[in-house]
Amino acid sequence: MSFNGQTILVTGGTGSFGKNFIKMLLSSSDQHPKKLIIFSRDELKQHEMQVSGFDDPRLRFFIGDVRDVTRLRRAFAGVDIVIHAAALKQVPACEYNPIEAVATNVDGARNVIDAAIDTGVKKVIALSTDKAVNPVNLYGATKMVAEKLFVQANAYSGSGPTRFSCVRYGNVVASRGSVIPLFLEQRKNGKVTITDARMTRFWLTLDQAAQFVVSCTEQMRGGEVFVPKIPSMNIRDLAQAVAPDCNMEIIGIRPGEKVHEVLVSEDEARHTLELEDKFVIQPVHPWWSGDNWKDHRGIADGFRYTSDNNPLAMTIADLKVLVSDLVGAQ
């Protein structure tokens, strides 16, 4: 199922991912959606998005909150594909406001599921994060629960048309709240702060994230968690790439942070398939058909896909290219 002729709704559509995803679909020569609905709770961000060039006649701006299932049902009427990107994602904010994080990331996920089934949406794909694997902070824990909800939602849908899957990836370069904008601001004062010099993270660009979601939406059977093969970098190398002439201050790891991140755990490896560009974590539920993805090979027992053992390690030179649009030529 391609996006051609389809009505697509993006929750959290005014965020970094949502705007890039919408822009990609509007400019694509291969994808020709019938209608694109931006669903978000902030009228100012919707207005700013409209006046910044998002004025295609296929666009609709729909104010609402994923916490409001009645509003979601209204928004989902006639929608074919839902991309669920709405979330509270700042780790410190979620730690300080745990009930709010649960209300949006967990209760909101349930509401999206209920509304999609009730209105006959064909496909729902939810965005997840490496922090959902063996979570050590509330944000990761809420996203782990959301993943479980979306996978098992396929049982609730039953013989109905609605299918649910997730994509799970790492940090997005220069997305709102990421470390690169922080480093760019800090370098004005000649000093950047890093929490731990050993720290590694998975990275991908907004374009890569959007393209991956399109690809997985087209390929999903319902129940998979898709994990892209993406590069990793060391946080110290990133700081040197962004601010090479600045001093670095080690400030210590923050509550809820890991030194390294995991995208596929050892326990998940037993039911994970490897493709050329991604891993497919299959659900362990009786409704999952063994014929799904049967032509692809499994991975070795005990395999772990982590940011510190990733063969796609980025050098400082690689990072300079990656962030060149932001930091200028080095």
C-alpha atoms as a PDB file:
ATOM      1  CA  MET A   1       0.000   0.000   0.000  1.00  0.00           C
ATOM      2  CA  SER A   2       1.667   3.187  -1.156  1.00  0.00           C
ATOM      3  CA  PHE A   3       0.676   6.691  -0.078  1.00  0.00           C
ATOM      4  CA  ASN A   4      -0.751   7.467  -3.522  1.00  0.00           C
ATOM      5  CA  GLY A   5      -4.355   8.607  -3.281  1.00  0.00           C
ATOM      6  CA  GLN A   6      -4.384   8.100   0.493  1.00  0.00           C
ATOM      7  CA  THR A   7      -5.454  10.420   3.297  1.00  0.00           C
ATOM      8  CA  ILE A   8      -2.669  10.607   5.864  1.00  0.00           C
ATOM      9  CA  LEU A   9      -2.806  12.104   9.353  1.00  0.00           C
ATOM     10  CA  VAL A  10       0.273  12.911  11.445  1.00  0.00           C
ATOM     11  CA  THR A  11      -0.173  13.378  15.180  1.00  0.00           C
ATOM     12  CA  GLY A  12       2.343  15.871  16.504  1.00  0.00           C
ATOM     13  CA  GLY A  13       2.497  17.126  12.945  1.00  0.00           C
ATOM     14  CA  THR A  14       4.042  20.492  13.852  1.00  0.00           C
ATOM     15  CA  GLY A  15       7.128  18.871  15.413  1.00  0.00           C
ATOM     16  CA  SER A  16      10.516  18.417  13.747  1.00  0.00           C
ATOM     17  CA  PHE A  17       9.665  14.987  12.352  1.00  0.00           C
ATOM     18  CA  GLY A  18       6.119  15.922  11.343  1.00  0.00           C
ATOM     19  CA  LYS A  19       7.139  18.970   9.341  1.00  0.00           C
ATOM     20  CA  ASN A  20       9.925  17.113   7.566  1.00  0.00           C
ATOM     21  CA  PHE A  21       7.695  14.119   6.850  1.00  0.00           C
ATOM     22  CA  ILE A  22       4.946  16.330   5.413  1.00  0.00           C
ATOM     23  CA  LYS A  23       7.452  18.313   3.333  1.00  0.00           C
ATOM     24  CA  MET A  24       8.926  15.101   1.932  1.00  0.00           C
ATOM     25  CA  LEU A  25       5.530  13.753   0.874  1.00  0.00           C
ATOM     26  CA  LEU A  26       4.517  17.045  -0.721  1.00  0.00           C
ATOM     27  CA  SER A  27       7.707  17.235  -2.773  1.00  0.00           C
ATOM     28  CA  SER A  28       7.964  13.544  -3.667  1.00  0.00           C
ATOM     29  CA  SER A  29       7.719  12.496  -7.293  1.00  0.00           C
ATOM     30  CA  ASP A  30       6.772   8.947  -6.228  1.00  0.00           C
ATOM     31  CA  GLN A  31       4.196   9.620  -3.523  1.00  0.00           C
ATOM     32  CA  HIS A  32       0.990  11.486  -4.317  1.00  0.00           C
ATOM     33  CA  PRO A  33      -1.261  11.569  -1.239  1.00  0.00           C
ATOM     34  CA  LYS A  34      -4.826  12.775  -1.571  1.00  0.00           C
ATOM     35  CA  LYS A  35      -4.838  14.696   1.728  1.00  0.00           C
ATOM     36  CA  LEU A  36      -2.378  15.376   4.573  1.00  0.00           C
ATOM     37  CA  ILE A  37      -3.740  16.256   8.007  1.00  0.00           C
ATOM     38  CA  ILE A  38      -1.554  17.918  10.631  1.00  0.00           C
ATOM     39  CA  PHE A  39      -2.984  17.056  14.041  1.00  0.00           C
ATOM     40  CA  SER A  40      -1.514  18.976  16.982  1.00  0.00           C
ATOM     41  CA  ARG A  41      -2.580  20.952  20.034  1.00  0.00           C
ATOM     42  CA  ASP A  42      -0.737  24.238  19.406  1.00  0.00           C
ATOM     43  CA  GLU A  43      -2.512  26.738  17.148  1.00  0.00           C
ATOM     44  CA  LEU A  44       0.543  29.032  17.086  1.00  0.00           C
ATOM     45  CA  LYS A  45       2.788  26.281  15.714  1.00  0.00           C
ATOM     46  CA  GLN A  46       0.154  25.433  13.132  1.00  0.00           C
ATOM     47  CA  HIS A  47      -0.051  29.078  12.081  1.00  0.00           C
ATOM     48  CA  GLU A  48       3.750  29.355  11.907  1.00  0.00           C
ATOM     49  CA  MET A  49       3.854  26.193   9.820  1.00  0.00           C
ATOM     50  CA  GLN A  50       1.260  27.539   7.392  1.00  0.00           C
ATOM     51  CA  VAL A  51       2.973  30.906   6.876  1.00  0.00           C
ATOM     52  CA  SER A  52       6.398  29.268   6.478  1.00  0.00           C
ATOM     53  CA  GLY A  53       5.390  27.664   3.187  1.00  0.00           C
ATOM     54  CA  PHE A  54       3.083  24.793   4.127  1.00  0.00           C
ATOM     55  CA  ASP A  55       0.212  26.074   2.009  1.00  0.00           C
ATOM     56  CA  ASP A  56      -0.436  23.134  -0.317  1.00  0.00           C
ATOM     57  CA  PRO A  57      -4.165  22.643  -1.034  1.00  0.00           C
ATOM     58  CA  ARG A  58      -3.885  19.032   0.140  1.00  0.00           C
ATOM     59  CA  LEU A  59      -3.006  20.158   3.689  1.00  0.00           C
ATOM     60  CA  ARG A  60      -5.462  20.349   6.573  1.00  0.00           C
ATOM     61  CA  PHE A  61      -4.627  21.724  10.025  1.00  0.00           C
ATOM     62  CA  PHE A  62      -6.575  20.045  12.810  1.00  0.00           C
ATOM     63  CA  ILE A  63      -6.266  21.265  16.411  1.00  0.00           C
ATOM     64  CA  GLY A  64      -6.524  18.501  18.973  1.00  0.00           C
ATOM     65  CA  ASP A  65      -4.728  16.530  21.660  1.00  0.00           C
ATOM     66  CA  VAL A  66      -4.038  12.789  21.690  1.00  0.00           C
ATOM     67  CA  ARG A  67      -5.355  12.816  25.243  1.00  0.00           C
ATOM     68  CA  ASP A  68      -8.831  13.495  23.805  1.00  0.00           C
ATOM     69  CA  VAL A  69     -10.151  10.311  22.200  1.00  0.00           C
ATOM     70  CA  THR A  70     -13.367  11.998  21.017  1.00  0.00           C
ATOM     71  CA  ARG A  71     -11.376  14.567  19.074  1.00  0.00           C
ATOM     72  CA  LEU A  72      -9.173  11.815  17.632  1.00  0.00           C
ATOM     73  CA  ARG A  73     -12.218   9.928  16.371  1.00  0.00           C
ATOM     74  CA  ARG A  74     -13.419  13.060  14.612  1.00  0.00           C
ATOM     75  CA  ALA A  75      -9.973  13.687  13.115  1.00  0.00           C
ATOM     76  CA  PHE A  76      -9.534  10.053  11.963  1.00  0.00           C
ATOM     77  CA  ALA A  77     -12.800   9.929  10.016  1.00  0.00           C
ATOM     78  CA  GLY A  78     -11.923   9.077   6.417  1.00  0.00           C
ATOM     79  CA  VAL A  79      -8.197   8.678   7.177  1.00  0.00           C
ATOM     80  CA  ASP A  80      -6.271   5.776   5.615  1.00  0.00           C
ATOM     81  CA  ILE A  81      -2.879   6.052   7.348  1.00  0.00           C
ATOM     82  CA  VAL A  82      -1.939   7.513  10.743  1.00  0.00           C
ATOM     83  CA  ILE A  83       1.649   8.370  11.659  1.00  0.00           C
ATOM     84  CA  HIS A  84       1.747   8.746  15.438  1.00  0.00           C
ATOM     85  CA  ALA A  85       4.563  11.153  16.294  1.00  0.00           C
ATOM     86  CA  ALA A  86       2.989  13.089  19.186  1.00  0.00           C
ATOM     87  CA  ALA A  87       4.838  12.625  22.475  1.00  0.00           C
ATOM     88  CA  LEU A  88       6.424  14.305  25.445  1.00  0.00           C
ATOM     89  CA  LYS A  89      10.052  13.382  24.790  1.00  0.00           C
ATOM     90  CA  GLN A  90      12.346  15.548  26.904  1.00  0.00           C
ATOM     91  CA  VAL A  91      13.821  13.233  29.533  1.00  0.00           C
ATOM     92  CA  PRO A  92      14.126  15.842  32.351  1.00  0.00           C
ATOM     93  CA  ALA A  93      10.624  17.196  31.686  1.00  0.00           C
ATOM     94  CA  CYS A  94       9.139  13.692  31.813  1.00  0.00           C
ATOM     95  CA  GLU A  95      10.988  12.953  35.065  1.00  0.00           C
ATOM     96  CA  TYR A  96       9.645  16.122  36.664  1.00  0.00           C
ATOM     97  CA  ASN A  97       6.122  15.726  35.231  1.00  0.00           C
ATOM     98  CA  PRO A  98       5.572  11.953  35.251  1.00  0.00           C
ATOM     99  CA  ILE A  99       1.781  11.996  35.229  1.00  0.00           C
ATOM    100  CA  GLU A 100       1.777  14.336  32.222  1.00  0.00           C
ATOM    101  CA  ALA A 101       4.223  12.039  30.408  1.00  0.00           C
ATOM    102  CA  VAL A 102       2.001   9.025  31.046  1.00  0.00           C
ATOM    103  CA  ALA A 103      -1.117  10.946  29.983  1.00  0.00           C
ATOM    104  CA  THR A 104       0.388  11.818  26.593  1.00  0.00           C
ATOM    105  CA  ASN A 105       2.698   8.901  25.818  1.00  0.00           C
ATOM    106  CA  VAL A 106       0.687   5.997  27.255  1.00  0.00           C
ATOM    107  CA  ASP A 107      -2.937   7.144  27.512  1.00  0.00           C
ATOM    108  CA  GLY A 108      -2.492   9.002  24.223  1.00  0.00           C
ATOM    109  CA  ALA A 109      -1.270   5.796  22.563  1.00  0.00           C
ATOM    110  CA  ARG A 110      -4.354   3.954  23.779  1.00  0.00           C
ATOM    111  CA  ASN A 111      -6.568   6.736  22.453  1.00  0.00           C
ATOM    112  CA  VAL A 112      -4.913   6.595  19.025  1.00  0.00           C
ATOM    113  CA  ILE A 113      -5.451   2.824  18.960  1.00  0.00           C
ATOM    114  CA  ASP A 114      -9.113   3.057  19.969  1.00  0.00           C
ATOM    115  CA  ALA A 115      -9.869   5.868  17.528  1.00  0.00           C
ATOM    116  CA  ALA A 116      -8.101   4.102  14.651  1.00  0.00           C
ATOM    117  CA  ILE A 117     -10.029   0.857  15.194  1.00  0.00           C
ATOM    118  CA  ASP A 118     -13.340   2.697  15.670  1.00  0.00           C
ATOM    119  CA  THR A 119     -12.956   4.676  12.420  1.00  0.00           C
ATOM    120  CA  GLY A 120     -11.448   1.915  10.249  1.00  0.00           C
ATOM    121  CA  VAL A 121      -8.017   3.448   9.646  1.00  0.00           C
ATOM    122  CA  LYS A 122      -6.032   0.953   7.568  1.00  0.00           C
ATOM    123  CA  LYS A 123      -2.505   1.481   8.927  1.00  0.00           C
ATOM    124  CA  VAL A 124      -1.039   3.087  12.020  1.00  0.00           C
ATOM    125  CA  ILE A 125       2.692   3.372  12.548  1.00  0.00           C
ATOM    126  CA  ALA A 126       3.994   4.770  15.823  1.00  0.00           C
ATOM    127  CA  LEU A 127       7.378   6.383  16.398  1.00  0.00           C
ATOM    128  CA  SER A 128       9.440   4.912  19.217  1.00  0.00           C
ATOM    129  CA  THR A 129      12.979   5.332  20.517  1.00  0.00           C
ATOM    130  CA  ASP A 130      16.075   3.418  21.582  1.00  0.00           C
ATOM    131  CA  LYS A 131      15.269   4.606  25.117  1.00  0.00           C
ATOM    132  CA  ALA A 132      12.333   2.160  25.139  1.00  0.00           C
ATOM    133  CA  VAL A 133      14.786  -0.762  25.317  1.00  0.00           C
ATOM    134  CA  ASN A 134      15.679  -1.650  28.923  1.00  0.00           C
ATOM    135  CA  PRO A 135      14.438   1.805  30.000  1.00  0.00           C
ATOM    136  CA  VAL A 136      16.097   3.672  32.851  1.00  0.00           C
ATOM    137  CA  ASN A 137      13.988   6.838  32.681  1.00  0.00           C
ATOM    138  CA  LEU A 138      10.286   7.574  32.602  1.00  0.00           C
ATOM    139  CA  TYR A 139      10.296   8.710  28.988  1.00  0.00           C
ATOM    140  CA  GLY A 140      11.787   5.384  27.902  1.00  0.00           C
ATOM    141  CA  ALA A 141       9.354   3.487  30.102  1.00  0.00           C
ATOM    142  CA  THR A 142       6.345   5.255  28.580  1.00  0.00           C
ATOM    143  CA  LYS A 143       7.593   4.517  25.070  1.00  0.00           C
ATOM    144  CA  MET A 144       8.182   0.862  25.981  1.00  0.00           C
ATOM    145  CA  VAL A 145       4.564   0.624  27.165  1.00  0.00           C
ATOM    146  CA  ALA A 146       3.379   2.413  24.026  1.00  0.00           C
ATOM    147  CA  GLU A 147       5.261  -0.096  21.847  1.00  0.00           C
ATOM    148  CA  LYS A 148       3.566  -2.977  23.667  1.00  0.00           C
ATOM    149  CA  LEU A 149       0.174  -1.334  23.225  1.00  0.00           C
ATOM    150  CA  PHE A 150       0.626  -0.790  19.492  1.00  0.00           C
ATOM    151  CA  VAL A 151       1.897  -4.308  18.849  1.00  0.00           C
ATOM    152  CA  GLN A 152      -0.910  -5.987  20.761  1.00  0.00           C
ATOM    153  CA  ALA A 153      -3.479  -3.591  19.257  1.00  0.00           C
ATOM    154  CA  ASN A 154      -3.469  -5.911  16.242  1.00  0.00           C
ATOM    155  CA  ALA A 155      -5.283  -8.470  18.398  1.00  0.00           C
ATOM    156  CA  TYR A 156      -7.883  -5.871  19.399  1.00  0.00           C
ATOM    157  CA  SER A 157      -8.385  -5.008  15.732  1.00  0.00           C
ATOM    158  CA  GLY A 158      -8.985  -8.694  14.990  1.00  0.00           C
ATOM    159  CA  SER A 159     -10.584  -9.216  11.586  1.00  0.00           C
ATOM    160  CA  GLY A 160     -11.017  -5.481  11.101  1.00  0.00           C
ATOM    161  CA  PRO A 161      -8.907  -3.533   8.606  1.00  0.00           C
ATOM    162  CA  THR A 162      -6.659  -1.672  11.064  1.00  0.00           C
ATOM    163  CA  ARG A 163      -3.026  -2.767  11.449  1.00  0.00           C
ATOM    164  CA  PHE A 164      -0.446  -1.324  13.820  1.00  0.00           C
ATOM    165  CA  SER A 165       3.384  -1.312  13.788  1.00  0.00           C
ATOM    166  CA  CYS A 166       6.217   0.732  15.305  1.00  0.00           C
ATOM    167  CA  VAL A 167       9.499   2.186  14.144  1.00  0.00           C
ATOM    168  CA  ARG A 168      12.257   2.450  16.737  1.00  0.00           C
ATOM    169  CA  TYR A 169      15.312   4.592  16.070  1.00  0.00           C
ATOM    170  CA  GLY A 170      17.916   6.753  17.805  1.00  0.00           C
ATOM    171  CA  ASN A 171      18.556  10.456  18.129  1.00  0.00           C
ATOM    172  CA  VAL A 172      17.558  12.682  15.218  1.00  0.00           C
ATOM    173  CA  VAL A 173      20.191  15.203  14.160  1.00  0.00           C
ATOM    174  CA  ALA A 174      19.191  18.773  15.077  1.00  0.00           C
ATOM    175  CA  SER A 175      15.626  17.889  16.044  1.00  0.00           C
ATOM    176  CA  ARG A 176      14.024  20.091  18.652  1.00  0.00           C
ATOM    177  CA  GLY A 177      15.743  19.549  22.009  1.00  0.00           C
ATOM    178  CA  SER A 178      18.711  17.597  20.609  1.00  0.00           C
ATOM    179  CA  VAL A 179      22.305  18.238  21.643  1.00  0.00           C
ATOM    180  CA  ILE A 180      23.524  19.828  18.404  1.00  0.00           C
ATOM    181  CA  PRO A 181      21.526  23.064  18.837  1.00  0.00           C
ATOM    182  CA  LEU A 182      22.828  23.141  22.422  1.00  0.00           C
ATOM    183  CA  PHE A 183      26.441  22.818  21.241  1.00  0.00           C
ATOM    184  CA  LEU A 184      25.882  25.503  18.615  1.00  0.00           C
ATOM    185  CA  GLU A 185      24.624  27.885  21.285  1.00  0.00           C
ATOM    186  CA  GLN A 186      27.362  26.991  23.763  1.00  0.00           C
ATOM    187  CA  ARG A 187      30.197  27.470  21.284  1.00  0.00           C
ATOM    188  CA  LYS A 188      29.399  31.191  21.188  1.00  0.00           C
ATOM    189  CA  ASN A 189      30.864  31.319  24.708  1.00  0.00           C
ATOM    190  CA  GLY A 190      33.869  29.133  23.903  1.00  0.00           C
ATOM    191  CA  LYS A 191      32.874  26.145  26.047  1.00  0.00           C
ATOM    192  CA  VAL A 192      30.666  23.104  25.486  1.00  0.00           C
ATOM    193  CA  THR A 193      29.450  20.729  28.186  1.00  0.00           C
ATOM    194  CA  ILE A 194      29.252  16.952  27.839  1.00  0.00           C
ATOM    195  CA  THR A 195      27.986  14.578  30.478  1.00  0.00           C
ATOM    196  CA  ASP A 196      30.341  11.618  29.893  1.00  0.00           C
ATOM    197  CA  ALA A 197      33.201  11.341  27.392  1.00  0.00           C
ATOM    198  CA  ARG A 198      32.458   7.622  26.853  1.00  0.00           C
ATOM    199  CA  MET A 199      28.859   8.251  25.788  1.00  0.00           C
ATOM    200  CA  THR A 200      27.719   6.943  22.394  1.00  0.00           C
ATOM    201  CA  ARG A 201      24.449   7.461  20.567  1.00  0.00           C
ATOM    202  CA  PHE A 202      22.686   6.256  17.430  1.00  0.00           C
ATOM    203  CA  TRP A 203      22.071   9.051  14.927  1.00  0.00           C
ATOM    204  CA  LEU A 204      20.035   9.659  11.803  1.00  0.00           C
ATOM    205  CA  THR A 205      18.829  12.716   9.931  1.00  0.00           C
ATOM    206  CA  LEU A 206      15.255  13.944   9.709  1.00  0.00           C
ATOM    207  CA  ASP A 207      15.178  12.953   6.043  1.00  0.00           C
ATOM    208  CA  GLN A 208      16.339   9.433   6.888  1.00  0.00           C
ATOM    209  CA  ALA A 209      13.725   9.159   9.624  1.00  0.00           C
ATOM    210  CA  ALA A 210      10.941  10.282   7.282  1.00  0.00           C
ATOM    211  CA  GLN A 211      12.035   7.959   4.483  1.00  0.00           C
ATOM    212  CA  PHE A 212      12.287   5.045   6.919  1.00  0.00           C
ATOM    213  CA  VAL A 213       8.740   5.632   8.152  1.00  0.00           C
ATOM    214  CA  VAL A 214       7.419   5.714   4.577  1.00  0.00           C
ATOM    215  CA  SER A 215       9.222   2.476   3.726  1.00  0.00           C
ATOM    216  CA  CYS A 216       8.044   0.665   6.868  1.00  0.00           C
ATOM    217  CA  THR A 217       4.462   1.849   6.422  1.00  0.00           C
ATOM    218  CA  GLU A 218       4.460   0.331   2.943  1.00  0.00           C
ATOM    219  CA  GLN A 219       6.016  -2.972   4.126  1.00  0.00           C
ATOM    220  CA  MET A 220       4.281  -3.552   7.464  1.00  0.00           C
ATOM    221  CA  ARG A 221       2.013  -6.537   8.031  1.00  0.00           C
ATOM    222  CA  GLY A 222       0.977  -5.329  11.478  1.00  0.00           C
ATOM    223  CA  GLY A 223       2.836  -6.099  14.697  1.00  0.00           C
ATOM    224  CA  GLU A 224       6.458  -5.462  13.734  1.00  0.00           C
ATOM    225  CA  VAL A 225       8.902  -3.112  15.400  1.00  0.00           C
ATOM    226  CA  PHE A 226      11.210  -1.822  12.656  1.00  0.00           C
ATOM    227  CA  VAL A 227      14.767  -0.783  13.545  1.00  0.00           C
ATOM    228  CA  PRO A 228      16.984   0.937  10.950  1.00  0.00           C
ATOM    229  CA  LYS A 229      20.671   0.205  10.545  1.00  0.00           C
ATOM    230  CA  ILE A 230      22.082   3.619  11.379  1.00  0.00           C
ATOM    231  CA  PRO A 231      25.479   4.958  12.454  1.00  0.00           C
ATOM    232  CA  SER A 232      26.653   5.688  15.979  1.00  0.00           C
ATOM    233  CA  MET A 233      28.883   8.449  17.251  1.00  0.00           C
ATOM    234  CA  ASN A 234      30.778   9.336  20.382  1.00  0.00           C
ATOM    235  CA  ILE A 235      29.455  12.468  22.087  1.00  0.00           C
ATOM    236  CA  ARG A 236      32.970  13.857  22.510  1.00  0.00           C
ATOM    237  CA  ASP A 237      33.615  13.483  18.769  1.00  0.00           C
ATOM    238  CA  LEU A 238      30.339  15.255  18.047  1.00  0.00           C
ATOM    239  CA  ALA A 239      31.348  18.167  20.262  1.00  0.00           C
ATOM    240  CA  GLN A 240      34.672  18.411  18.437  1.00  0.00           C
ATOM    241  CA  ALA A 241      32.898  18.371  15.072  1.00  0.00           C
ATOM    242  CA  VAL A 242      30.439  21.099  16.042  1.00  0.00           C
ATOM    243  CA  ALA A 243      32.759  23.262  18.165  1.00  0.00           C
ATOM    244  CA  PRO A 244      36.377  22.324  17.373  1.00  0.00           C
ATOM    245  CA  ASP A 245      37.929  25.412  18.970  1.00  0.00           C
ATOM    246  CA  CYS A 246      36.000  25.258  22.225  1.00  0.00           C
ATOM    247  CA  ASN A 247      36.943  23.891  25.611  1.00  0.00           C
ATOM    248  CA  MET A 248      34.997  20.877  26.856  1.00  0.00           C
ATOM    249  CA  GLU A 249      33.666  20.525  30.363  1.00  0.00           C
ATOM    250  CA  ILE A 250      32.600  17.118  31.709  1.00  0.00           C
ATOM    251  CA  ILE A 251      29.567  17.743  33.923  1.00  0.00           C
ATOM    252  CA  GLY A 252      28.606  14.169  34.825  1.00  0.00           C
ATOM    253  CA  ILE A 253      25.877  11.880  33.602  1.00  0.00           C
ATOM    254  CA  ARG A 254      22.345  13.090  34.317  1.00  0.00           C
ATOM    255  CA  PRO A 255      19.621  11.063  36.054  1.00  0.00           C
ATOM    256  CA  GLY A 256      17.920   8.769  33.562  1.00  0.00           C
ATOM    257  CA  GLU A 257      20.786   8.778  31.055  1.00  0.00           C
ATOM    258  CA  LYS A 258      22.658   5.746  29.753  1.00  0.00           C
ATOM    259  CA  VAL A 259      26.269   5.704  28.634  1.00  0.00           C
ATOM    260  CA  HIS A 260      25.280   3.617  25.587  1.00  0.00           C
ATOM    261  CA  GLU A 261      21.914   2.996  23.934  1.00  0.00           C
ATOM    262  CA  VAL A 262      20.337  -0.258  22.687  1.00  0.00           C
ATOM    263  CA  LEU A 263      18.117  -0.649  19.626  1.00  0.00           C
ATOM    264  CA  VAL A 264      17.763  -4.457  19.690  1.00  0.00           C
ATOM    265  CA  SER A 265      18.221  -6.317  22.978  1.00  0.00           C
ATOM    266  CA  GLU A 266      19.491  -9.874  23.440  1.00  0.00           C
ATOM    267  CA  ASP A 267      16.025 -11.080  24.381  1.00  0.00           C
ATOM    268  CA  GLU A 268      14.514  -9.521  21.260  1.00  0.00           C
ATOM    269  CA  ALA A 269      17.200 -11.054  19.039  1.00  0.00           C
ATOM    270  CA  ARG A 270      15.528 -14.475  19.303  1.00  0.00           C
ATOM    271  CA  HIS A 271      12.599 -13.233  17.230  1.00  0.00           C
ATOM    272  CA  THR A 272      14.333 -10.609  15.094  1.00  0.00           C
ATOM    273  CA  LEU A 273      15.039 -10.785  11.367  1.00  0.00           C
ATOM    274  CA  GLU A 274      17.863  -8.996   9.592  1.00  0.00           C
ATOM    275  CA  LEU A 275      17.354  -7.226   6.269  1.00  0.00           C
ATOM    276  CA  GLU A 276      19.870  -5.229   4.293  1.00  0.00           C
ATOM    277  CA  ASP A 277      18.843  -1.873   5.760  1.00  0.00           C
ATOM    278  CA  LYS A 278      16.925  -2.782   8.913  1.00  0.00           C
ATOM    279  CA  PHE A 279      16.008  -5.264  11.620  1.00  0.00           C
ATOM    280  CA  VAL A 280      12.430  -6.486  11.992  1.00  0.00           C
ATOM    281  CA  ILE A 281      11.422  -7.467  15.527  1.00  0.00           C
ATOM    282  CA  GLN A 282       8.515  -9.860  15.201  1.00  0.00           C
ATOM    283  CA  PRO A 283       5.770 -10.066  17.829  1.00  0.00           C
ATOM    284  CA  VAL A 284       5.624 -13.131  20.056  1.00  0.00           C
ATOM    285  CA  HIS A 285       1.876 -13.587  20.003  1.00  0.00           C
ATOM    286  CA  PRO A 286      -0.337 -16.387  18.650  1.00  0.00           C
ATOM    287  CA  TRP A 287      -1.995 -14.115  16.091  1.00  0.00           C
ATOM    288  CA  TRP A 288       1.332 -13.501  14.285  1.00  0.00           C
ATOM    289  CA  SER A 289       1.670 -15.568  11.106  1.00  0.00           C
ATOM    290  CA  GLY A 290       4.899 -17.478  10.563  1.00  0.00           C
ATOM    291  CA  ASP A 291       4.500 -16.727   6.857  1.00  0.00           C
ATOM    292  CA  ASN A 292       5.225 -13.047   7.470  1.00  0.00           C
ATOM    293  CA  TRP A 293       8.790 -12.163   6.435  1.00  0.00           C
ATOM    294  CA  LYS A 294       9.530 -15.895   6.011  1.00  0.00           C
ATOM    295  CA  ASP A 295      12.120 -15.279   3.296  1.00  0.00           C
ATOM    296  CA  HIS A 296      14.428 -13.332   5.634  1.00  0.00           C
ATOM    297  CA  ARG A 297      17.005 -14.739   8.024  1.00  0.00           C
ATOM    298  CA  GLY A 298      17.083 -14.503  11.772  1.00  0.00           C
ATOM    299  CA  ILE A 299      20.031 -13.211  13.743  1.00  0.00           C
ATOM    300  CA  ALA A 300      22.338 -15.092  16.086  1.00  0.00           C
ATOM    301  CA  ASP A 301      21.164 -15.783  19.611  1.00  0.00           C
ATOM    302  CA  GLY A 302      22.767 -13.321  22.007  1.00  0.00           C
ATOM    303  CA  PHE A 303      23.054 -10.565  19.401  1.00  0.00           C
ATOM    304  CA  ARG A 304      22.727  -7.011  20.715  1.00  0.00           C
ATOM    305  CA  TYR A 305      22.505  -3.911  18.541  1.00  0.00           C
ATOM    306  CA  THR A 306      24.017  -1.182  20.696  1.00  0.00           C
ATOM    307  CA  SER A 307      25.571   2.192  20.039  1.00  0.00           C
ATOM    308  CA  ASP A 308      28.990   1.077  21.335  1.00  0.00           C
ATOM    309  CA  ASN A 309      29.265  -2.129  19.249  1.00  0.00           C
ATOM    310  CA  ASN A 310      27.819  -0.713  16.036  1.00  0.00           C
ATOM    311  CA  PRO A 311      30.012  -1.387  12.974  1.00  0.00           C
ATOM    312  CA  LEU A 312      28.711   1.886  11.506  1.00  0.00           C
ATOM    313  CA  ALA A 313      30.800   4.156  13.743  1.00  0.00           C
ATOM    314  CA  MET A 314      31.076   7.789  12.660  1.00  0.00           C
ATOM    315  CA  THR A 315      34.368   9.651  12.703  1.00  0.00           C
ATOM    316  CA  ILE A 316      34.767  13.357  13.415  1.00  0.00           C
ATOM    317  CA  ALA A 317      35.080  13.893   9.653  1.00  0.00           C
ATOM    318  CA  ASP A 318      31.806  12.033   9.092  1.00  0.00           C
ATOM    319  CA  LEU A 319      30.105  14.139  11.742  1.00  0.00           C
ATOM    320  CA  LYS A 320      31.321  17.368  10.181  1.00  0.00           C
ATOM    321  CA  VAL A 321      29.695  16.359   6.918  1.00  0.00           C
ATOM    322  CA  LEU A 322      26.500  15.349   8.721  1.00  0.00           C
ATOM    323  CA  VAL A 323      26.094  18.694  10.464  1.00  0.00           C
ATOM    324  CA  SER A 324      27.662  20.859   7.757  1.00  0.00           C
ATOM    325  CA  ASP A 325      24.406  22.686   7.067  1.00  0.00           C
ATOM    326  CA  LEU A 326      24.315  23.753  10.703  1.00  0.00           C
ATOM    327  CA  VAL A 327      27.942  24.436  11.567  1.00  0.00           C
ATOM    328  CA  GLY A 328      29.238  25.607   8.190  1.00  0.00           C
ATOM    329  CA  ALA A 329      32.358  24.403   6.437  1.00  0.00           C
ATOM    330  CA  GLN A 330      35.108  23.368   8.818  1.00  0.00           C
END
